[in-house]
PDB file of all heavy atoms in Angstrom:
ATOM      1  N   PRO A   1      42.352 -38.407 150.032  1.00  0.00           N
ATOM      2  CA  PRO A   1      42.534 -37.192 150.850  1.00  0.00           C
ATOM      3  C   PRO A   1      41.487 -37.027 151.940  1.00  0.00           C
ATOM      4  O   PRO A   1      41.793 -36.522 153.026  1.00  0.00           O
ATOM      5  CB  PRO A   1      42.434 -36.067 149.814  1.00  0.00           C
ATOM      6  CG  PRO A   1      42.828 -36.696 148.521  1.00  0.00           C
ATOM      7  CD  PRO A   1      42.331 -38.107 148.588  1.00  0.00           C
ATOM      8  N   ILE A   2      40.262 -37.481 151.676  1.00  0.00           N
ATOM      9  CA  ILE A   2      39.182 -37.267 152.644  1.00  0.00           C
ATOM     10  C   ILE A   2      39.492 -37.911 153.989  1.00  0.00           C
ATOM     11  O   ILE A   2      39.024 -37.455 155.038  1.00  0.00           O
ATOM     12  CB  ILE A   2      37.842 -37.795 152.064  1.00  0.00           C
ATOM     13  CG1 ILE A   2      36.666 -37.221 152.836  1.00  0.00           C
ATOM     14  CG2 ILE A   2      37.814 -39.312 152.011  1.00  0.00           C
ATOM     15  CD1 ILE A   2      35.324 -37.508 152.182  1.00  0.00           C
ATOM     16  N   THR A   3      40.323 -38.948 153.968  1.00  0.00           N
ATOM     17  CA  THR A   3      40.695 -39.646 155.199  1.00  0.00           C
ATOM     18  C   THR A   3      41.433 -38.722 156.162  1.00  0.00           C
ATOM     19  O   THR A   3      41.359 -38.888 157.386  1.00  0.00           O
ATOM     20  CB  THR A   3      41.577 -40.864 154.864  1.00  0.00           C
ATOM     21  OG1 THR A   3      40.868 -41.709 153.950  1.00  0.00           O
ATOM     22  CG2 THR A   3      41.948 -41.658 156.101  1.00  0.00           C
ATOM     23  N   TYR A   4      42.137 -37.741 155.628  1.00  0.00           N
ATOM     24  CA  TYR A   4      43.006 -36.894 156.450  1.00  0.00           C
ATOM     25  C   TYR A   4      42.499 -35.461 156.560  1.00  0.00           C
ATOM     26  O   TYR A   4      43.227 -34.584 157.045  1.00  0.00           O
ATOM     27  CB  TYR A   4      44.418 -36.896 155.848  1.00  0.00           C
ATOM     28  CG  TYR A   4      44.917 -38.289 155.551  1.00  0.00           C
ATOM     29  CD1 TYR A   4      44.827 -38.806 154.259  1.00  0.00           C
ATOM     30  CD2 TYR A   4      45.433 -39.099 156.556  1.00  0.00           C
ATOM     31  CE1 TYR A   4      45.260 -40.097 153.980  1.00  0.00           C
ATOM     32  CE2 TYR A   4      45.868 -40.384 156.288  1.00  0.00           C
ATOM     33  CZ  TYR A   4      45.775 -40.887 154.991  1.00  0.00           C
ATOM     34  OH  TYR A   4      46.192 -42.160 154.729  1.00  0.00           O
ATOM     35  N   ALA A   5      41.259 -35.209 156.137  1.00  0.00           N
ATOM     36  CA  ALA A   5      40.732 -33.839 156.129  1.00  0.00           C
ATOM     37  C   ALA A   5      40.760 -33.203 157.514  1.00  0.00           C
ATOM     38  O   ALA A   5      40.919 -31.981 157.649  1.00  0.00           O
ATOM     39  CB  ALA A   5      39.309 -33.838 155.574  1.00  0.00           C
ATOM     40  N   LYS A   6      40.654 -34.018 158.538  1.00  0.00           N
ATOM     41  CA  LYS A   6      40.645 -33.496 159.912  1.00  0.00           C
ATOM     42  C   LYS A   6      41.952 -32.806 160.286  1.00  0.00           C
ATOM     43  O   LYS A   6      42.011 -32.069 161.286  1.00  0.00           O
ATOM     44  CB  LYS A   6      40.366 -34.630 160.887  1.00  0.00           C
ATOM     45  CG  LYS A   6      41.400 -35.743 160.841  1.00  0.00           C
ATOM     46  CD  LYS A   6      40.994 -36.935 161.698  1.00  0.00           C
ATOM     47  CE  LYS A   6      42.003 -38.077 161.549  1.00  0.00           C
ATOM     48  NZ  LYS A   6      41.568 -39.278 162.306  1.00  0.00           N
ATOM     49  N   ASN A   7      43.002 -33.030 159.485  1.00  0.00           N
ATOM     50  CA  ASN A   7      44.319 -32.456 159.803  1.00  0.00           C
ATOM     51  C   ASN A   7      44.540 -31.070 159.192  1.00  0.00           C
ATOM     52  O   ASN A   7      45.617 -30.492 159.365  1.00  0.00           O
ATOM     53  CB  ASN A   7      45.427 -33.386 159.315  1.00  0.00           C
ATOM     54  CG  ASN A   7      45.393 -34.740 159.988  1.00  0.00           C
ATOM     55  OD1 ASN A   7      44.985 -34.856 161.142  1.00  0.00           O
ATOM     56  ND2 ASN A   7      45.805 -35.781 159.274  1.00  0.00           N
ATOM     57  N   LEU A   8      43.565 -30.548 158.488  1.00  0.00           N
ATOM     58  CA  LEU A   8      43.748 -29.250 157.834  1.00  0.00           C
ATOM     59  C   LEU A   8      44.064 -28.163 158.848  1.00  0.00           C
ATOM     60  O   LEU A   8      43.378 -28.015 159.856  1.00  0.00           O
ATOM     61  CB  LEU A   8      42.489 -28.866 157.045  1.00  0.00           C
ATOM     62  CG  LEU A   8      42.523 -27.483 156.377  1.00  0.00           C
ATOM     63  CD1 LEU A   8      43.590 -27.438 155.277  1.00  0.00           C
ATOM     64  CD2 LEU A   8      41.150 -27.127 155.810  1.00  0.00           C
ATOM     65  N   GLU A   9      45.121 -27.381 158.560  1.00  0.00           N
ATOM     66  CA  GLU A   9      45.478 -26.239 159.401  1.00  0.00           C
ATOM     67  C   GLU A   9      45.547 -24.937 158.602  1.00  0.00           C
ATOM     68  O   GLU A   9      45.350 -23.865 159.154  1.00  0.00           O
ATOM     69  CB  GLU A   9      46.836 -26.491 160.081  1.00  0.00           C
ATOM     70  CG  GLU A   9      46.819 -27.633 161.079  1.00  0.00           C
ATOM     71  CD  GLU A   9      48.169 -27.846 161.739  1.00  0.00           C
ATOM     72  OE1 GLU A   9      49.059 -26.971 161.574  1.00  0.00           O
ATOM     73  OE2 GLU A   9      48.348 -28.883 162.400  1.00  0.00           O
ATOM     74  N   GLY A  10      45.843 -25.026 157.306  1.00  0.00           N
ATOM     75  CA  GLY A  10      46.074 -23.823 156.521  1.00  0.00           C
ATOM     76  C   GLY A  10      44.842 -23.343 155.778  1.00  0.00           C
ATOM     77  O   GLY A  10      43.695 -23.652 156.130  1.00  0.00           O
ATOM     78  N   ASN A  11      45.097 -22.555 154.745  1.00  0.00           N
ATOM     79  CA  ASN A  11      44.043 -21.955 153.929  1.00  0.00           C
ATOM     80  C   ASN A  11      43.772 -22.863 152.734  1.00  0.00           C
ATOM     81  O   ASN A  11      44.677 -23.153 151.951  1.00  0.00           O
ATOM     82  CB  ASN A  11      44.488 -20.584 153.425  1.00  0.00           C
ATOM     83  CG  ASN A  11      45.068 -19.734 154.542  1.00  0.00           C
ATOM     84  OD1 ASN A  11      44.365 -19.344 155.464  1.00  0.00           O
ATOM     85  ND2 ASN A  11      46.362 -19.457 154.465  1.00  0.00           N
ATOM     86  N   LEU A  12      42.525 -23.283 152.557  1.00  0.00           N
ATOM     87  CA  LEU A  12      42.185 -24.217 151.486  1.00  0.00           C
ATOM     88  C   LEU A  12      41.063 -23.671 150.627  1.00  0.00           C
ATOM     89  O   LEU A  12      39.997 -23.303 151.141  1.00  0.00           O
ATOM     90  CB  LEU A  12      41.780 -25.575 152.057  1.00  0.00           C
ATOM     91  CG  LEU A  12      41.335 -26.635 151.034  1.00  0.00           C
ATOM     92  CD1 LEU A  12      42.463 -26.960 150.063  1.00  0.00           C
ATOM     93  CD2 LEU A  12      40.844 -27.893 151.734  1.00  0.00           C
ATOM     94  N   LEU A  13      41.313 -23.618 149.316  1.00  0.00           N
ATOM     95  CA  LEU A  13      40.295 -23.258 148.329  1.00  0.00           C
ATOM     96  C   LEU A  13      39.965 -24.505 147.515  1.00  0.00           C
ATOM     97  O   LEU A  13      40.854 -25.129 146.925  1.00  0.00           O
ATOM     98  CB  LEU A  13      40.811 -22.152 147.404  1.00  0.00           C
ATOM     99  CG  LEU A  13      39.934 -21.798 146.197  1.00  0.00           C
ATOM    100  CD1 LEU A  13      38.595 -21.215 146.647  1.00  0.00           C
ATOM    101  CD2 LEU A  13      40.666 -20.826 145.262  1.00  0.00           C
ATOM    102  N   ILE A  14      38.691 -24.872 147.482  1.00  0.00           N
ATOM    103  CA  ILE A  14      38.219 -26.019 146.707  1.00  0.00           C
ATOM    104  C   ILE A  14      37.435 -25.496 145.515  1.00  0.00           C
ATOM    105  O   ILE A  14      36.512 -24.685 145.676  1.00  0.00           O
ATOM    106  CB  ILE A  14      37.324 -26.936 147.573  1.00  0.00           C
ATOM    107  CG1 ILE A  14      38.090 -27.444 148.790  1.00  0.00           C
ATOM    108  CG2 ILE A  14      36.786 -28.102 146.748  1.00  0.00           C
ATOM    109  CD1 ILE A  14      37.204 -28.134 149.827  1.00  0.00           C
ATOM    110  N   VAL A  15      37.793 -25.938 144.311  1.00  0.00           N
ATOM    111  CA  VAL A  15      37.141 -25.498 143.075  1.00  0.00           C
ATOM    112  C   VAL A  15      36.669 -26.728 142.311  1.00  0.00           C
ATOM    113  O   VAL A  15      37.437 -27.691 142.137  1.00  0.00           O
ATOM    114  CB  VAL A  15      38.109 -24.675 142.200  1.00  0.00           C
ATOM    115  CG1 VAL A  15      37.420 -24.225 140.921  1.00  0.00           C
ATOM    116  CG2 VAL A  15      38.656 -23.486 142.964  1.00  0.00           C
ATOM    117  N   HIS A  16      35.423 -26.702 141.843  1.00  0.00           N
ATOM    118  CA  HIS A  16      34.910 -27.859 141.096  1.00  0.00           C
ATOM    119  C   HIS A  16      33.756 -27.429 140.190  1.00  0.00           C
ATOM    120  O   HIS A  16      32.942 -26.584 140.557  1.00  0.00           O
ATOM    121  CB  HIS A  16      34.408 -28.941 142.059  1.00  0.00           C
ATOM    122  CG  HIS A  16      34.692 -30.334 141.595  1.00  0.00           C
ATOM    123  ND1 HIS A  16      35.549 -31.192 142.237  1.00  0.00           N
ATOM    124  CD2 HIS A  16      34.237 -31.026 140.514  1.00  0.00           C
ATOM    125  CE1 HIS A  16      35.616 -32.350 141.594  1.00  0.00           C
ATOM    126  NE2 HIS A  16      34.817 -32.270 140.547  1.00  0.00           N
ATOM    127  N   GLY A  17      33.691 -28.018 139.003  1.00  0.00           N
ATOM    128  CA  GLY A  17      32.553 -27.812 138.114  1.00  0.00           C
ATOM    129  C   GLY A  17      31.431 -28.761 138.473  1.00  0.00           C
ATOM    130  O   GLY A  17      31.659 -29.968 138.633  1.00  0.00           O
ATOM    131  N   THR A  18      30.228 -28.260 138.595  1.00  0.00           N
ATOM    132  CA  THR A  18      29.111 -29.127 138.984  1.00  0.00           C
ATOM    133  C   THR A  18      28.704 -30.068 137.855  1.00  0.00           C
ATOM    134  O   THR A  18      28.012 -31.059 138.090  1.00  0.00           O
ATOM    135  CB  THR A  18      27.887 -28.298 139.416  1.00  0.00           C
ATOM    136  OG1 THR A  18      27.360 -27.596 138.274  1.00  0.00           O
ATOM    137  CG2 THR A  18      28.249 -27.305 140.507  1.00  0.00           C
ATOM    138  N   GLY A  19      29.145 -29.777 136.624  1.00  0.00           N
ATOM    139  CA  GLY A  19      28.841 -30.639 135.489  1.00  0.00           C
ATOM    140  C   GLY A  19      30.021 -31.505 135.091  1.00  0.00           C
ATOM    141  O   GLY A  19      30.105 -31.959 133.941  1.00  0.00           O
ATOM    142  N   ASP A  20      30.919 -31.764 136.013  1.00  0.00           N
ATOM    143  CA  ASP A  20      32.107 -32.568 135.739  1.00  0.00           C
ATOM    144  C   ASP A  20      31.702 -34.038 135.608  1.00  0.00           C
ATOM    145  O   ASP A  20      31.384 -34.699 136.596  1.00  0.00           O
ATOM    146  CB  ASP A  20      33.123 -32.383 136.875  1.00  0.00           C
ATOM    147  CG  ASP A  20      34.492 -32.958 136.555  1.00  0.00           C
ATOM    148  OD1 ASP A  20      34.572 -33.860 135.704  1.00  0.00           O
ATOM    149  OD2 ASP A  20      35.479 -32.510 137.168  1.00  0.00           O
ATOM    150  N   ASP A  21      31.725 -34.567 134.377  1.00  0.00           N
ATOM    151  CA  ASP A  21      31.344 -35.964 134.161  1.00  0.00           C
ATOM    152  C   ASP A  21      32.504 -36.919 134.426  1.00  0.00           C
ATOM    153  O   ASP A  21      32.320 -38.132 134.442  1.00  0.00           O
ATOM    154  CB  ASP A  21      30.838 -36.165 132.730  1.00  0.00           C
ATOM    155  CG  ASP A  21      31.905 -35.865 131.691  1.00  0.00           C
ATOM    156  OD1 ASP A  21      32.190 -34.680 131.473  1.00  0.00           O
ATOM    157  OD2 ASP A  21      32.463 -36.810 131.102  1.00  0.00           O
ATOM    158  N   ASN A  22      33.704 -36.387 134.616  1.00  0.00           N
ATOM    159  CA  ASN A  22      34.888 -37.200 134.849  1.00  0.00           C
ATOM    160  C   ASN A  22      35.116 -37.378 136.354  1.00  0.00           C
ATOM    161  O   ASN A  22      34.973 -38.472 136.887  1.00  0.00           O
ATOM    162  CB  ASN A  22      36.089 -36.522 134.176  1.00  0.00           C
ATOM    163  CG  ASN A  22      37.369 -37.309 134.298  1.00  0.00           C
ATOM    164  OD1 ASN A  22      37.428 -38.327 134.961  1.00  0.00           O
ATOM    165  ND2 ASN A  22      38.413 -36.818 133.661  1.00  0.00           N
ATOM    166  N   VAL A  23      35.495 -36.303 137.028  1.00  0.00           N
ATOM    167  CA  VAL A  23      35.643 -36.319 138.486  1.00  0.00           C
ATOM    168  C   VAL A  23      34.410 -35.615 139.054  1.00  0.00           C
ATOM    169  O   VAL A  23      34.302 -34.397 138.993  1.00  0.00           O
ATOM    170  CB  VAL A  23      36.932 -35.599 138.916  1.00  0.00           C
ATOM    171  CG1 VAL A  23      37.058 -35.607 140.439  1.00  0.00           C
ATOM    172  CG2 VAL A  23      38.144 -36.260 138.281  1.00  0.00           C
ATOM    173  N   HIS A  24      33.498 -36.373 139.588  1.00  0.00           N
ATOM    174  CA  HIS A  24      32.192 -35.828 139.919  1.00  0.00           C
ATOM    175  C   HIS A  24      32.250 -34.819 141.065  1.00  0.00           C
ATOM    176  O   HIS A  24      33.029 -34.986 142.023  1.00  0.00           O
ATOM    177  CB  HIS A  24      31.228 -36.959 140.281  1.00  0.00           C
ATOM    178  CG  HIS A  24      31.032 -37.937 139.170  1.00  0.00           C
ATOM    179  ND1 HIS A  24      30.729 -39.257 139.370  1.00  0.00           N
ATOM    180  CD2 HIS A  24      31.124 -37.778 137.821  1.00  0.00           C
ATOM    181  CE1 HIS A  24      30.631 -39.874 138.210  1.00  0.00           C
ATOM    182  NE2 HIS A  24      30.866 -38.998 137.257  1.00  0.00           N
ATOM    183  N   TYR A  25      31.393 -33.815 140.949  1.00  0.00           N
ATOM    184  CA  TYR A  25      31.242 -32.791 141.988  1.00  0.00           C
ATOM    185  C   TYR A  25      30.882 -33.420 143.331  1.00  0.00           C
ATOM    186  O   TYR A  25      31.171 -32.852 144.400  1.00  0.00           O
ATOM    187  CB  TYR A  25      30.167 -31.792 141.545  1.00  0.00           C
ATOM    188  CG  TYR A  25      29.842 -30.725 142.557  1.00  0.00           C
ATOM    189  CD1 TYR A  25      30.741 -29.701 142.819  1.00  0.00           C
ATOM    190  CD2 TYR A  25      28.631 -30.745 143.245  1.00  0.00           C
ATOM    191  CE1 TYR A  25      30.438 -28.721 143.760  1.00  0.00           C
ATOM    192  CE2 TYR A  25      28.324 -29.772 144.182  1.00  0.00           C
ATOM    193  CZ  TYR A  25      29.227 -28.760 144.439  1.00  0.00           C
ATOM    194  OH  TYR A  25      28.946 -27.798 145.359  1.00  0.00           O
TER     195      TYR A  25
END
């Protein structure tokens, strides 16, 4: 997804746990 971040037009909420050992923060 990061490859296309420049195309964002709408409303985006990003949520992440800082202690996520699986998908890192």
